[in-house]
PDB file of N, CA and C in Angstrom:
ATOM      1  N   MET A   1     208.520 180.948  34.045  1.00  0.00           N
ATOM      2  CA  MET A   1     207.881 179.793  34.633  1.00  0.00           C
ATOM      3  C   MET A   1     206.466 180.165  35.020  1.00  0.00           C
ATOM      4  N   ASN A   2     205.542 179.321  34.713  1.00  0.00           N
ATOM      5  CA  ASN A   2     204.144 179.509  35.045  1.00  0.00           C
ATOM      6  C   ASN A   2     203.859 178.882  36.396  1.00  0.00           C
ATOM      7  N   ASP A   3     203.662 179.681  37.435  1.00  0.00           N
ATOM      8  CA  ASP A   3     203.488 179.137  38.776  1.00  0.00           C
ATOM      9  C   ASP A   3     202.040 179.176  39.215  1.00  0.00           C
ATOM     10  N   ASN A   4     201.722 178.274  40.148  1.00  0.00           N
ATOM     11  CA  ASN A   4     200.435 178.360  40.810  1.00  0.00           C
ATOM     12  C   ASN A   4     200.667 178.975  42.183  1.00  0.00           C
ATOM     13  N   SER A   5     199.694 178.955  43.060  1.00  0.00           N
ATOM     14  CA  SER A   5     199.787 179.685  44.319  1.00  0.00           C
ATOM     15  C   SER A   5     200.876 179.174  45.257  1.00  0.00           C
ATOM     16  N   ASP A   6     201.290 177.918  45.147  1.00  0.00           N
ATOM     17  CA  ASP A   6     202.337 177.439  46.040  1.00  0.00           C
ATOM     18  C   ASP A   6     203.729 177.547  45.424  1.00  0.00           C
ATOM     19  N   GLY A   7     203.869 178.231  44.270  1.00  0.00           N
ATOM     20  CA  GLY A   7     205.159 178.450  43.657  1.00  0.00           C
ATOM     21  C   GLY A   7     205.635 177.316  42.777  1.00  0.00           C
ATOM     22  N   LYS A   8     204.870 176.252  42.669  1.00  0.00           N
ATOM     23  CA  LYS A   8     205.245 175.109  41.847  1.00  0.00           C
ATOM     24  C   LYS A   8     204.783 175.343  40.413  1.00  0.00           C
ATOM     25  N   PRO A   9     205.422 174.698  39.435  1.00  0.00           N
ATOM     26  CA  PRO A   9     205.003 174.856  38.048  1.00  0.00           C
ATOM     27  C   PRO A   9     203.530 174.485  37.858  1.00  0.00           C
ATOM     28  N   ALA A  10     202.766 175.372  37.268  1.00  0.00           N
ATOM     29  CA  ALA A  10     201.330 175.156  37.076  1.00  0.00           C
ATOM     30  C   ALA A  10     201.077 174.001  36.121  1.00  0.00           C
ATOM     31  N   GLY A  11     200.135 173.136  36.490  1.00  0.00           N
ATOM     32  CA  GLY A  11     199.722 172.052  35.621  1.00  0.00           C
ATOM     33  C   GLY A  11     200.719 170.919  35.510  1.00  0.00           C
ATOM     34  N   LYS A  12     201.845 171.003  36.166  1.00  0.00           N
ATOM     35  CA  LYS A  12     202.874 169.983  36.044  1.00  0.00           C
ATOM     36  C   LYS A  12     203.157 169.299  37.368  1.00  0.00           C
ATOM     37  N   GLY A  13     202.302 169.458  38.328  1.00  0.00           N
ATOM     38  CA  GLY A  13     202.529 168.844  39.621  1.00  0.00           C
ATOM     39  C   GLY A  13     201.454 167.829  39.961  1.00  0.00           C
ATOM     40  N   ARG A  14     201.841 166.838  40.730  1.00  0.00           N
ATOM     41  CA  ARG A  14     200.904 165.835  41.229  1.00  0.00           C
ATOM     42  C   ARG A  14     201.169 165.699  42.719  1.00  0.00           C
ATOM     43  N   ARG A  15     200.182 166.036  43.527  1.00  0.00           N
ATOM     44  CA  ARG A  15     200.336 166.023  44.984  1.00  0.00           C
ATOM     45  C   ARG A  15     200.089 164.622  45.524  1.00  0.00           C
ATOM     46  N   ILE A  16     201.135 164.068  46.150  1.00  0.00           N
ATOM     47  CA  ILE A  16     201.074 162.729  46.733  1.00  0.00           C
ATOM     48  C   ILE A  16     201.761 162.787  48.089  1.00  0.00           C
ATOM     49  N   LEU A  17     201.119 162.241  49.117  1.00  0.00           N
ATOM     50  CA  LEU A  17     201.673 162.230  50.471  1.00  0.00           C
ATOM     51  C   LEU A  17     202.000 163.636  50.972  1.00  0.00           C
ATOM     52  N   GLY A  18     201.286 164.634  50.470  1.00  0.00           N
ATOM     53  CA  GLY A  18     201.504 166.015  50.882  1.00  0.00           C
ATOM     54  C   GLY A  18     202.646 166.710  50.153  1.00  0.00           C
ATOM     55  N   ILE A  19     203.265 166.027  49.192  1.00  0.00           N
ATOM     56  CA  ILE A  19     204.389 166.572  48.435  1.00  0.00           C
ATOM     57  C   ILE A  19     203.944 166.755  46.987  1.00  0.00           C
ATOM     58  N   THR A  20     204.270 167.901  46.383  1.00  0.00           N
ATOM     59  CA  THR A  20     203.944 168.132  44.975  1.00  0.00           C
ATOM     60  C   THR A  20     205.114 167.667  44.119  1.00  0.00           C
ATOM     61  N   PHE A  21     204.897 166.560  43.404  1.00  0.00           N
ATOM     62  CA  PHE A  21     205.919 165.995  42.524  1.00  0.00           C
ATOM     63  C   PHE A  21     205.762 166.557  41.127  1.00  0.00           C
ATOM     64  N   PHE A  22     206.879 166.906  40.510  1.00  0.00           N
ATOM     65  CA  PHE A  22     206.889 167.378  39.136  1.00  0.00           C
ATOM     66  C   PHE A  22     206.497 166.214  38.228  1.00  0.00           C
ATOM     67  N   ASN A  23     205.618 166.486  37.268  1.00  0.00           N
ATOM     68  CA  ASN A  23     205.157 165.445  36.353  1.00  0.00           C
ATOM     69  C   ASN A  23     205.435 165.892  34.924  1.00  0.00           C
ATOM     70  N   GLY A  24     206.678 165.715  34.508  1.00  0.00           N
ATOM     71  CA  GLY A  24     207.103 166.094  33.173  1.00  0.00           C
ATOM     72  C   GLY A  24     208.454 165.475  32.891  1.00  0.00           C
ATOM     73  N   GLY A  25     209.087 165.926  31.827  1.00  0.00           N
ATOM     74  CA  GLY A  25     210.374 165.381  31.419  1.00  0.00           C
ATOM     75  C   GLY A  25     211.556 166.168  31.963  1.00  0.00           C
ATOM     76  N   CYS A  26     212.751 165.625  31.733  1.00  0.00           N
ATOM     77  CA  CYS A  26     213.994 166.243  32.228  1.00  0.00           C
ATOM     78  C   CYS A  26     214.199 167.652  31.689  1.00  0.00           C
ATOM     79  N   LEU A  27     214.054 167.826  30.379  1.00  0.00           N
ATOM     80  CA  LEU A  27     214.300 169.148  29.791  1.00  0.00           C
ATOM     81  C   LEU A  27     213.304 170.179  30.315  1.00  0.00           C
ATOM     82  N   GLU A  28     212.085 169.760  30.500  1.00  0.00           N
ATOM     83  CA  GLU A  28     211.055 170.648  31.049  1.00  0.00           C
ATOM     84  C   GLU A  28     211.390 171.034  32.498  1.00  0.00           C
ATOM     85  N   ALA A  29     211.890 170.078  33.259  1.00  0.00           N
ATOM     86  CA  ALA A  29     212.298 170.361  34.639  1.00  0.00           C
ATOM     87  C   ALA A  29     213.444 171.359  34.657  1.00  0.00           C
ATOM     88  N   ILE A  30     214.402 171.189  33.756  1.00  0.00           N
ATOM     89  CA  ILE A  30     215.539 172.111  33.668  1.00  0.00           C
ATOM     90  C   ILE A  30     215.059 173.522  33.343  1.00  0.00           C
ATOM     91  N   GLN A  31     214.112 173.636  32.431  1.00  0.00           N
ATOM     92  CA  GLN A  31     213.567 174.954  32.085  1.00  0.00           C
ATOM     93  C   GLN A  31     212.936 175.613  33.307  1.00  0.00           C
ATOM     94  N   ASN A  32     212.288 174.821  34.149  1.00  0.00           N
ATOM     95  CA  ASN A  32     211.657 175.359  35.345  1.00  0.00           C
ATOM     96  C   ASN A  32     212.672 175.805  36.393  1.00  0.00           C
ATOM     97  N   LEU A  33     213.909 175.372  36.257  1.00  0.00           N
ATOM     98  CA  LEU A  33     214.941 175.733  37.223  1.00  0.00           C
ATOM     99  C   LEU A  33     215.918 176.768  36.697  1.00  0.00           C
ATOM    100  N   GLU A  34     215.659 177.321  35.515  1.00  0.00           N
ATOM    101  CA  GLU A  34     216.600 178.275  34.910  1.00  0.00           C
ATOM    102  C   GLU A  34     216.874 179.481  35.785  1.00  0.00           C
ATOM    103  N   CYS A  35     215.931 179.877  36.596  1.00  0.00           N
ATOM    104  CA  CYS A  35     216.132 181.028  37.482  1.00  0.00           C
ATOM    105  C   CYS A  35     216.606 180.603  38.863  1.00  0.00           C
ATOM    106  N   GLY A  36     216.963 179.331  39.024  1.00  0.00           N
ATOM    107  CA  GLY A  36     217.436 178.826  40.310  1.00  0.00           C
ATOM    108  C   GLY A  36     216.339 178.123  41.076  1.00  0.00           C
ATOM    109  N   GLY A  37     216.679 177.661  42.242  1.00  0.00           N
ATOM    110  CA  GLY A  37     215.715 176.985  43.089  1.00  0.00           C
ATOM    111  C   GLY A  37     216.271 175.686  43.639  1.00  0.00           C
ATOM    112  N   LEU A  38     215.537 175.107  44.555  1.00  0.00           N
ATOM    113  CA  LEU A  38     215.932 173.853  45.185  1.00  0.00           C
ATOM    114  C   LEU A  38     215.250 172.695  44.486  1.00  0.00           C
ATOM    115  N   LEU A  39     216.057 171.763  43.982  1.00  0.00           N
ATOM    116  CA  LEU A  39     215.572 170.542  43.347  1.00  0.00           C
ATOM    117  C   LEU A  39     215.837 169.391  44.293  1.00  0.00           C
ATOM    118  N   THR A  40     214.850 168.536  44.498  1.00  0.00           N
ATOM    119  CA  THR A  40     215.055 167.320  45.269  1.00  0.00           C
ATOM    120  C   THR A  40     214.556 166.141  44.452  1.00  0.00           C
ATOM    121  N   ALA A  41     215.204 164.986  44.659  1.00  0.00           N
ATOM    122  CA  ALA A  41     214.816 163.752  43.980  1.00  0.00           C
ATOM    123  C   ALA A  41     214.796 162.647  45.031  1.00  0.00           C
ATOM    124  N   PRO A  42     213.740 162.606  45.850  1.00  0.00           N
ATOM    125  CA  PRO A  42     213.707 161.645  46.953  1.00  0.00           C
ATOM    126  C   PRO A  42     213.586 160.207  46.448  1.00  0.00           C
ATOM    127  N   SER A  43     214.290 159.322  47.122  1.00  0.00           N
ATOM    128  CA  SER A  43     214.259 157.900  46.771  1.00  0.00           C
ATOM    129  C   SER A  43     213.050 157.231  47.415  1.00  0.00           C
ATOM    130  N   GLY A  44     212.741 156.049  46.949  1.00  0.00           N
ATOM    131  CA  GLY A  44     211.635 155.269  47.528  1.00  0.00           C
ATOM    132  C   GLY A  44     211.820 155.002  49.005  1.00  0.00           C
ATOM    133  N   PRO A  45     213.005 154.498  49.435  1.00  0.00           N
ATOM    134  CA  PRO A  45     213.191 154.258  50.867  1.00  0.00           C
ATOM    135  C   PRO A  45     213.065 155.526  51.709  1.00  0.00           C
ATOM    136  N   GLY A  46     213.537 156.654  51.183  1.00  0.00           N
ATOM    137  CA  GLY A  46     213.404 157.909  51.917  1.00  0.00           C
ATOM    138  C   GLY A  46     211.948 158.296  52.094  1.00  0.00           C
ATOM    139  N   LEU A  47     211.180 158.113  51.019  1.00  0.00           N
ATOM    140  CA  LEU A  47     209.751 158.435  51.102  1.00  0.00           C
ATOM    141  C   LEU A  47     209.036 157.478  52.054  1.00  0.00           C
ATOM    142  N   ALA A  48     209.452 156.215  52.060  1.00  0.00           N
ATOM    143  CA  ALA A  48     208.784 155.211  52.883  1.00  0.00           C
ATOM    144  C   ALA A  48     209.029 155.415  54.374  1.00  0.00           C
ATOM    145  N   SER A  49     210.208 155.890  54.738  1.00  0.00           N
ATOM    146  CA  SER A  49     210.477 156.018  56.178  1.00  0.00           C
ATOM    147  C   SER A  49     210.761 157.446  56.618  1.00  0.00           C
ATOM    148  N   ASP A  50     211.698 158.125  55.968  1.00  0.00           N
ATOM    149  CA  ASP A  50     212.110 159.454  56.427  1.00  0.00           C
ATOM    150  C   ASP A  50     211.008 160.491  56.313  1.00  0.00           C
ATOM    151  N   LEU A  51     210.144 160.354  55.329  1.00  0.00           N
ATOM    152  CA  LEU A  51     209.073 161.333  55.136  1.00  0.00           C
ATOM    153  C   LEU A  51     208.199 161.455  56.383  1.00  0.00           C
ATOM    154  N   PHE A  52     208.004 160.345  57.068  1.00  0.00           N
ATOM    155  CA  PHE A  52     207.133 160.335  58.240  1.00  0.00           C
ATOM    156  C   PHE A  52     207.886 160.441  59.556  1.00  0.00           C
ATOM    157  N   ARG A  53     209.179 160.183  59.537  1.00  0.00           N
ATOM    158  CA  ARG A  53     209.963 160.181  60.772  1.00  0.00           C
ATOM    159  C   ARG A  53     210.797 161.439  60.980  1.00  0.00           C
ATOM    160  N   CYS A  54     211.075 162.151  59.907  1.00  0.00           N
ATOM    161  CA  CYS A  54     212.001 163.278  60.000  1.00  0.00           C
ATOM    162  C   CYS A  54     211.320 164.552  59.479  1.00  0.00           C
ATOM    163  N   ASN A  55     211.028 165.457  60.400  1.00  0.00           N
ATOM    164  CA  ASN A  55     210.348 166.699  60.022  1.00  0.00           C
ATOM    165  C   ASN A  55     211.174 167.542  59.061  1.00  0.00           C
ATOM    166  N   GLU A  56     212.501 167.553  59.222  1.00  0.00           N
ATOM    167  CA  GLU A  56     213.361 168.338  58.345  1.00  0.00           C
ATOM    168  C   GLU A  56     213.324 167.814  56.916  1.00  0.00           C
ATOM    169  N   TYR A  57     213.294 166.486  56.781  1.00  0.00           N
ATOM    170  CA  TYR A  57     213.214 165.859  55.457  1.00  0.00           C
ATOM    171  C   TYR A  57     211.901 166.246  54.772  1.00  0.00           C
ATOM    172  N   ARG A  58     210.792 166.099  55.514  1.00  0.00           N
ATOM    173  CA  ARG A  58     209.477 166.460  54.974  1.00  0.00           C
ATOM    174  C   ARG A  58     209.442 167.940  54.585  1.00  0.00           C
ATOM    175  N   LYS A  59     209.960 168.798  55.452  1.00  0.00           N
ATOM    176  CA  LYS A  59     209.946 170.235  55.187  1.00  0.00           C
ATOM    177  C   LYS A  59     210.772 170.562  53.935  1.00  0.00           C
ATOM    178  N   ALA A  60     211.928 169.898  53.783  1.00  0.00           N
ATOM    179  CA  ALA A  60     212.772 170.130  52.601  1.00  0.00           C
ATOM    180  C   ALA A  60     212.015 169.763  51.326  1.00  0.00           C
ATOM    181  N   LEU A  61     211.284 168.671  51.352  1.00  0.00           N
ATOM    182  CA  LEU A  61     210.512 168.271  50.167  1.00  0.00           C
ATOM    183  C   LEU A  61     209.337 169.217  49.930  1.00  0.00           C
ATOM    184  N   GLU A  62     208.644 169.591  50.985  1.00  0.00           N
ATOM    185  CA  GLU A  62     207.501 170.492  50.847  1.00  0.00           C
ATOM    186  C   GLU A  62     207.920 171.858  50.306  1.00  0.00           C
ATOM    187  N   GLN A  63     209.109 172.313  50.676  1.00  0.00           N
ATOM    188  CA  GLN A  63     209.550 173.647  50.294  1.00  0.00           C
ATOM    189  C   GLN A  63     210.434 173.662  49.050  1.00  0.00           C
ATOM    190  N   SER A  64     210.706 172.489  48.479  1.00  0.00           N
ATOM    191  CA  SER A  64     211.500 172.426  47.251  1.00  0.00           C
ATOM    192  C   SER A  64     210.761 173.100  46.117  1.00  0.00           C
ATOM    193  N   ASP A  65     211.508 173.723  45.223  1.00  0.00           N
ATOM    194  CA  ASP A  65     210.904 174.336  44.055  1.00  0.00           C
ATOM    195  C   ASP A  65     210.498 173.282  43.032  1.00  0.00           C
ATOM    196  N   LEU A  66     211.208 172.168  43.017  1.00  0.00           N
ATOM    197  CA  LEU A  66     210.908 171.084  42.084  1.00  0.00           C
ATOM    198  C   LEU A  66     211.263 169.764  42.753  1.00  0.00           C
ATOM    199  N   VAL A  67     210.298 168.850  42.850  1.00  0.00           N
ATOM    200  CA  VAL A  67     210.530 167.531  43.430  1.00  0.00           C
ATOM    201  C   VAL A  67     210.338 166.507  42.323  1.00  0.00           C
ATOM    202  N   LEU A  68     211.417 165.794  42.001  1.00  0.00           N
ATOM    203  CA  LEU A  68     211.348 164.764  40.965  1.00  0.00           C
ATOM    204  C   LEU A  68     210.856 163.453  41.560  1.00  0.00           C
ATOM    205  N   ALA A  69     210.073 162.725  40.789  1.00  0.00           N
ATOM    206  CA  ALA A  69     209.609 161.398  41.202  1.00  0.00           C
ATOM    207  C   ALA A  69     210.685 160.394  40.800  1.00  0.00           C
ATOM    208  N   ASP A  70     211.638 160.164  41.711  1.00  0.00           N
ATOM    209  CA  ASP A  70     212.758 159.263  41.450  1.00  0.00           C
ATOM    210  C   ASP A  70     212.441 157.843  41.913  1.00  0.00           C
ATOM    211  N   SER A  71     211.286 157.642  42.494  1.00  0.00           N
ATOM    212  CA  SER A  71     210.901 156.336  43.022  1.00  0.00           C
ATOM    213  C   SER A  71     210.000 155.604  42.032  1.00  0.00           C
ATOM    214  N   GLY A  72     210.493 154.488  41.518  1.00  0.00           N
ATOM    215  CA  GLY A  72     209.691 153.675  40.612  1.00  0.00           C
ATOM    216  C   GLY A  72     208.441 153.147  41.301  1.00  0.00           C
ATOM    217  N   PHE A  73     208.569 152.790  42.582  1.00  0.00           N
ATOM    218  CA  PHE A  73     207.413 152.279  43.319  1.00  0.00           C
ATOM    219  C   PHE A  73     206.328 153.334  43.453  1.00  0.00           C
ATOM    220  N   LEU A  74     206.736 154.573  43.756  1.00  0.00           N
ATOM    221  CA  LEU A  74     205.773 155.668  43.873  1.00  0.00           C
ATOM    222  C   LEU A  74     205.015 155.853  42.559  1.00  0.00           C
ATOM    223  N   CYS A  75     205.734 155.812  41.443  1.00  0.00           N
ATOM    224  CA  CYS A  75     205.102 155.996  40.129  1.00  0.00           C
ATOM    225  C   CYS A  75     204.156 154.846  39.805  1.00  0.00           C
ATOM    226  N   LEU A  76     204.576 153.625  40.152  1.00  0.00           N
ATOM    227  CA  LEU A  76     203.708 152.463  39.934  1.00  0.00           C
ATOM    228  C   LEU A  76     202.453 152.563  40.793  1.00  0.00           C
ATOM    229  N   TRP A  77     202.629 152.928  42.052  1.00  0.00           N
ATOM    230  CA  TRP A  77     201.499 153.095  42.980  1.00  0.00           C
ATOM    231  C   TRP A  77     200.507 154.130  42.432  1.00  0.00           C
ATOM    232  N   GLU A  78     201.035 155.250  41.962  1.00  0.00           N
ATOM    233  CA  GLU A  78     200.179 156.315  41.430  1.00  0.00           C
ATOM    234  C   GLU A  78     199.442 155.850  40.180  1.00  0.00           C
ATOM    235  N   ARG A  79     200.114 155.070  39.359  1.00  0.00           N
ATOM    236  CA  ARG A  79     199.483 154.570  38.131  1.00  0.00           C
ATOM    237  C   ARG A  79     198.334 153.613  38.462  1.00  0.00           C
ATOM    238  N   ILE A  80     198.522 152.765  39.478  1.00  0.00           N
ATOM    239  CA  ILE A  80     197.496 151.781  39.837  1.00  0.00           C
ATOM    240  C   ILE A  80     196.357 152.414  40.621  1.00  0.00           C
ATOM    241  N   PHE A  81     196.711 153.209  41.641  1.00  0.00           N
ATOM    242  CA  PHE A  81     195.700 153.717  42.560  1.00  0.00           C
ATOM    243  C   PHE A  81     195.371 155.200  42.393  1.00  0.00           C
ATOM    244  N   GLY A  82     196.190 155.924  41.703  1.00  0.00           N
ATOM    245  CA  GLY A  82     195.997 157.363  41.573  1.00  0.00           C
ATOM    246  C   GLY A  82     195.158 157.725  40.366  1.00  0.00           C
ATOM    247  N   GLN A  83     195.159 159.000  40.082  1.00  0.00           N
ATOM    248  CA  GLN A  83     194.340 159.518  38.996  1.00  0.00           C
ATOM    249  C   GLN A  83     195.128 159.750  37.716  1.00  0.00           C
ATOM    250  N   THR A  84     196.459 159.805  37.812  1.00  0.00           N
ATOM    251  CA  THR A  84     197.266 160.120  36.634  1.00  0.00           C
ATOM    252  C   THR A  84     198.512 159.247  36.589  1.00  0.00           C
ATOM    253  N   LYS A  85     199.146 159.265  35.443  1.00  0.00           N
ATOM    254  CA  LYS A  85     200.455 158.621  35.303  1.00  0.00           C
ATOM    255  C   LYS A  85     201.497 159.636  35.751  1.00  0.00           C
ATOM    256  N   LEU A  86     202.326 159.257  36.709  1.00  0.00           N
ATOM    257  CA  LEU A  86     203.394 160.113  37.199  1.00  0.00           C
ATOM    258  C   LEU A  86     204.679 159.686  36.510  1.00  0.00           C
ATOM    259  N   GLU A  87     205.317 160.616  35.808  1.00  0.00           N
ATOM    260  CA  GLU A  87     206.521 160.302  35.054  1.00  0.00           C
ATOM    261  C   GLU A  87     207.726 160.202  35.987  1.00  0.00           C
ATOM    262  N   ARG A  88     208.402 159.062  35.963  1.00  0.00           N
ATOM    263  CA  ARG A  88     209.598 158.871  36.790  1.00  0.00           C
ATOM    264  C   ARG A  88     210.799 159.520  36.103  1.00  0.00           C
ATOM    265  N   ILE A  89     211.536 160.298  36.888  1.00  0.00           N
ATOM    266  CA  ILE A  89     212.794 160.875  36.415  1.00  0.00           C
ATOM    267  C   ILE A  89     213.878 160.443  37.396  1.00  0.00           C
ATOM    268  N   SER A  90     214.788 159.622  36.935  1.00  0.00           N
ATOM    269  CA  SER A  90     215.913 159.200  37.761  1.00  0.00           C
ATOM    270  C   SER A  90     216.770 160.415  38.087  1.00  0.00           C
ATOM    271  N   GLY A  91     217.190 160.528  39.345  1.00  0.00           N
ATOM    272  CA  GLY A  91     218.054 161.639  39.743  1.00  0.00           C
ATOM    273  C   GLY A  91     219.356 161.652  38.953  1.00  0.00           C
ATOM    274  N   LEU A  92     219.927 160.469  38.709  1.00  0.00           N
ATOM    275  CA  LEU A  92     221.157 160.387  37.930  1.00  0.00           C
ATOM    276  C   LEU A  92     220.920 160.801  36.480  1.00  0.00           C
ATOM    277  N   ASN A  93     219.832 160.332  35.903  1.00  0.00           N
ATOM    278  CA  ASN A  93     219.496 160.714  34.524  1.00  0.00           C
ATOM    279  C   ASN A  93     219.272 162.215  34.426  1.00  0.00           C
ATOM    280  N   PHE A  94     218.564 162.790  35.408  1.00  0.00           N
ATOM    281  CA  PHE A  94     218.337 164.226  35.411  1.00  0.00           C
ATOM    282  C   PHE A  94     219.664 164.975  35.439  1.00  0.00           C
ATOM    283  N   LEU A  95     220.584 164.535  36.301  1.00  0.00           N
ATOM    284  CA  LEU A  95     221.885 165.198  36.411  1.00  0.00           C
ATOM    285  C   LEU A  95     222.632 165.149  35.082  1.00  0.00           C
ATOM    286  N   GLN A  96     222.613 164.006  34.408  1.00  0.00           N
ATOM    287  CA  GLN A  96     223.286 163.879  33.113  1.00  0.00           C
ATOM    288  C   GLN A  96     222.680 164.831  32.081  1.00  0.00           C
ATOM    289  N   VAL A  97     221.362 164.864  31.993  1.00  0.00           N
ATOM    290  CA  VAL A  97     220.684 165.746  31.041  1.00  0.00           C
ATOM    291  C   VAL A  97     220.934 167.208  31.409  1.00  0.00           C
ATOM    292  N   PHE A  98     220.912 167.510  32.700  1.00  0.00           N
ATOM    293  CA  PHE A  98     221.160 168.875  33.166  1.00  0.00           C
ATOM    294  C   PHE A  98     222.549 169.350  32.749  1.00  0.00           C
ATOM    295  N   LEU A  99     223.553 168.530  32.998  1.00  0.00           N
ATOM    296  CA  LEU A  99     224.925 168.922  32.672  1.00  0.00           C
ATOM    297  C   LEU A  99     225.133 169.069  31.169  1.00  0.00           C
ATOM    298  N   GLU A 100     224.412 168.290  30.365  1.00  0.00           N
ATOM    299  CA  GLU A 100     224.541 168.352  28.906  1.00  0.00           C
ATOM    300  C   GLU A 100     223.761 169.510  28.283  1.00  0.00           C
ATOM    301  N   ASN A 101     222.694 169.967  28.933  1.00  0.00           N
ATOM    302  CA  ASN A 101     221.763 170.895  28.285  1.00  0.00           C
ATOM    303  C   ASN A 101     221.565 172.233  28.971  1.00  0.00           C
ATOM    304  N   SER A 102     222.327 172.539  29.964  1.00  0.00           N
ATOM    305  CA  SER A 102     222.115 173.824  30.629  1.00  0.00           C
ATOM    306  C   SER A 102     223.393 174.636  30.630  1.00  0.00           C
ATOM    307  N   ASN A 103     223.250 175.904  30.896  1.00  0.00           N
ATOM    308  CA  ASN A 103     224.392 176.817  30.958  1.00  0.00           C
ATOM    309  C   ASN A 103     224.773 177.074  32.413  1.00  0.00           C
ATOM    310  N   TRP A 104     224.930 176.019  33.167  1.00  0.00           N
ATOM    311  CA  TRP A 104     225.265 176.176  34.580  1.00  0.00           C
ATOM    312  C   TRP A 104     226.738 176.542  34.735  1.00  0.00           C
ATOM    313  N   LYS A 105     227.023 177.209  35.804  1.00  0.00           N
ATOM    314  CA  LYS A 105     228.401 177.589  36.110  1.00  0.00           C
ATOM    315  C   LYS A 105     228.757 176.983  37.464  1.00  0.00           C
ATOM    316  N   ALA A 106     229.831 176.216  37.477  1.00  0.00           N
ATOM    317  CA  ALA A 106     230.242 175.524  38.705  1.00  0.00           C
ATOM    318  C   ALA A 106     230.441 176.481  39.872  1.00  0.00           C
ATOM    319  N   GLU A 107     231.002 177.656  39.603  1.00  0.00           N
ATOM    320  CA  GLU A 107     231.272 178.583  40.698  1.00  0.00           C
ATOM    321  C   GLU A 107     230.004 179.202  41.283  1.00  0.00           C
ATOM    322  N   SER A 108     228.893 179.108  40.589  1.00  0.00           N
ATOM    323  CA  SER A 108     227.651 179.675  41.120  1.00  0.00           C
ATOM    324  C   SER A 108     226.677 178.589  41.563  1.00  0.00           C
ATOM    325  N   SER A 109     227.143 177.345  41.609  1.00  0.00           N
ATOM    326  CA  SER A 109     226.297 176.231  42.033  1.00  0.00           C
ATOM    327  C   SER A 109     226.701 175.766  43.425  1.00  0.00           C
ATOM    328  N   PHE A 110     225.734 175.228  44.136  1.00  0.00           N
ATOM    329  CA  PHE A 110     225.980 174.679  45.462  1.00  0.00           C
ATOM    330  C   PHE A 110     225.495 173.241  45.449  1.00  0.00           C
ATOM    331  N   TRP A 111     226.412 172.319  45.680  1.00  0.00           N
ATOM    332  CA  TRP A 111     226.090 170.893  45.650  1.00  0.00           C
ATOM    333  C   TRP A 111     226.231 170.315  47.059  1.00  0.00           C
ATOM    334  N   VAL A 112     225.279 169.499  47.463  1.00  0.00           N
ATOM    335  CA  VAL A 112     225.342 168.832  48.755  1.00  0.00           C
ATOM    336  C   VAL A 112     225.653 167.369  48.501  1.00  0.00           C
ATOM    337  N   MET A 113     226.743 166.896  49.100  1.00  0.00           N
ATOM    338  CA  MET A 113     227.176 165.514  48.930  1.00  0.00           C
ATOM    339  C   MET A 113     227.048 164.782  50.266  1.00  0.00           C
ATOM    340  N   PRO A 114     226.828 163.470  50.227  1.00  0.00           N
ATOM    341  CA  PRO A 114     226.632 162.718  51.473  1.00  0.00           C
ATOM    342  C   PRO A 114     227.859 162.668  52.378  1.00  0.00           C
ATOM    343  N   ASP A 115     229.050 162.608  51.791  1.00  0.00           N
ATOM    344  CA  ASP A 115     230.274 162.572  52.586  1.00  0.00           C
ATOM    345  C   ASP A 115     231.460 162.961  51.700  1.00  0.00           C
ATOM    346  N   GLU A 116     232.644 163.064  52.301  1.00  0.00           N
ATOM    347  CA  GLU A 116     233.841 163.516  51.583  1.00  0.00           C
ATOM    348  C   GLU A 116     234.204 162.577  50.431  1.00  0.00           C
ATOM    349  N   LYS A 117     234.111 161.278  50.655  1.00  0.00           N
ATOM    350  CA  LYS A 117     234.444 160.295  49.611  1.00  0.00           C
ATOM    351  C   LYS A 117     233.529 160.472  48.393  1.00  0.00           C
ATOM    352  N   GLN A 118     232.226 160.580  48.628  1.00  0.00           N
ATOM    353  CA  GLN A 118     231.268 160.772  47.545  1.00  0.00           C
ATOM    354  C   GLN A 118     231.482 162.121  46.856  1.00  0.00           C
ATOM    355  N   SER A 119     231.867 163.113  47.635  1.00  0.00           N
ATOM    356  CA  SER A 119     232.125 164.432  47.068  1.00  0.00           C
ATOM    357  C   SER A 119     233.263 164.369  46.059  1.00  0.00           C
ATOM    358  N   ARG A 120     234.364 163.708  46.427  1.00  0.00           N
ATOM    359  CA  ARG A 120     235.489 163.567  45.498  1.00  0.00           C
ATOM    360  C   ARG A 120     235.080 162.786  44.251  1.00  0.00           C
ATOM    361  N   LYS A 121     234.337 161.707  44.424  1.00  0.00           N
ATOM    362  CA  LYS A 121     233.881 160.888  43.297  1.00  0.00           C
ATOM    363  C   LYS A 121     232.999 161.694  42.362  1.00  0.00           C
ATOM    364  N   ASN A 122     232.028 162.380  42.925  1.00  0.00           N
ATOM    365  CA  ASN A 122     231.094 163.166  42.111  1.00  0.00           C
ATOM    366  C   ASN A 122     231.787 164.332  41.437  1.00  0.00           C
ATOM    367  N   THR A 123     232.707 164.985  42.122  1.00  0.00           N
ATOM    368  CA  THR A 123     233.430 166.108  41.530  1.00  0.00           C
ATOM    369  C   THR A 123     234.249 165.650  40.342  1.00  0.00           C
ATOM    370  N   SER A 124     234.884 164.495  40.447  1.00  0.00           N
ATOM    371  CA  SER A 124     235.671 164.001  39.301  1.00  0.00           C
ATOM    372  C   SER A 124     234.752 163.570  38.167  1.00  0.00           C
ATOM    373  N   TRP A 125     233.576 163.027  38.492  1.00  0.00           N
ATOM    374  CA  TRP A 125     232.622 162.608  37.452  1.00  0.00           C
ATOM    375  C   TRP A 125     232.056 163.819  36.714  1.00  0.00           C
ATOM    376  N   ILE A 126     231.717 164.884  37.475  1.00  0.00           N
ATOM    377  CA  ILE A 126     231.158 166.101  36.877  1.00  0.00           C
ATOM    378  C   ILE A 126     232.222 166.814  36.059  1.00  0.00           C
ATOM    379  N   GLY A 127     233.451 166.822  36.597  1.00  0.00           N
ATOM    380  CA  GLY A 127     234.590 167.489  36.134  1.00  0.00           C
ATOM    381  C   GLY A 127     234.825 167.887  34.781  1.00  0.00           C
TER     382      GLY A 127
END
């Protein structure tokens, strides 16, 4: 992985609201995570409220190894008012591509689920 001084992929990041968002495709994002790391895919509502209200949320995004632009509104805003086109990657789409194209091992992965019900649902879907 080609990194810049903050550890993010060089030339593939777009800094918005103090967060460096990955600006590339799913397969490219997967390649950047081959050695591990924290991936986050913040939603539009999370960016609109939690980013400014919750220091832990902001810190998690700032310290993530890869932050996907999962918010269509953020990408539209950047296209209209920003300097570049920010490529939107749906968190669900990323997960599907990741599971199909990587050599991940379930026993060496750590997944965070919102609650027990969602955990069971997601585990059976990944299964």
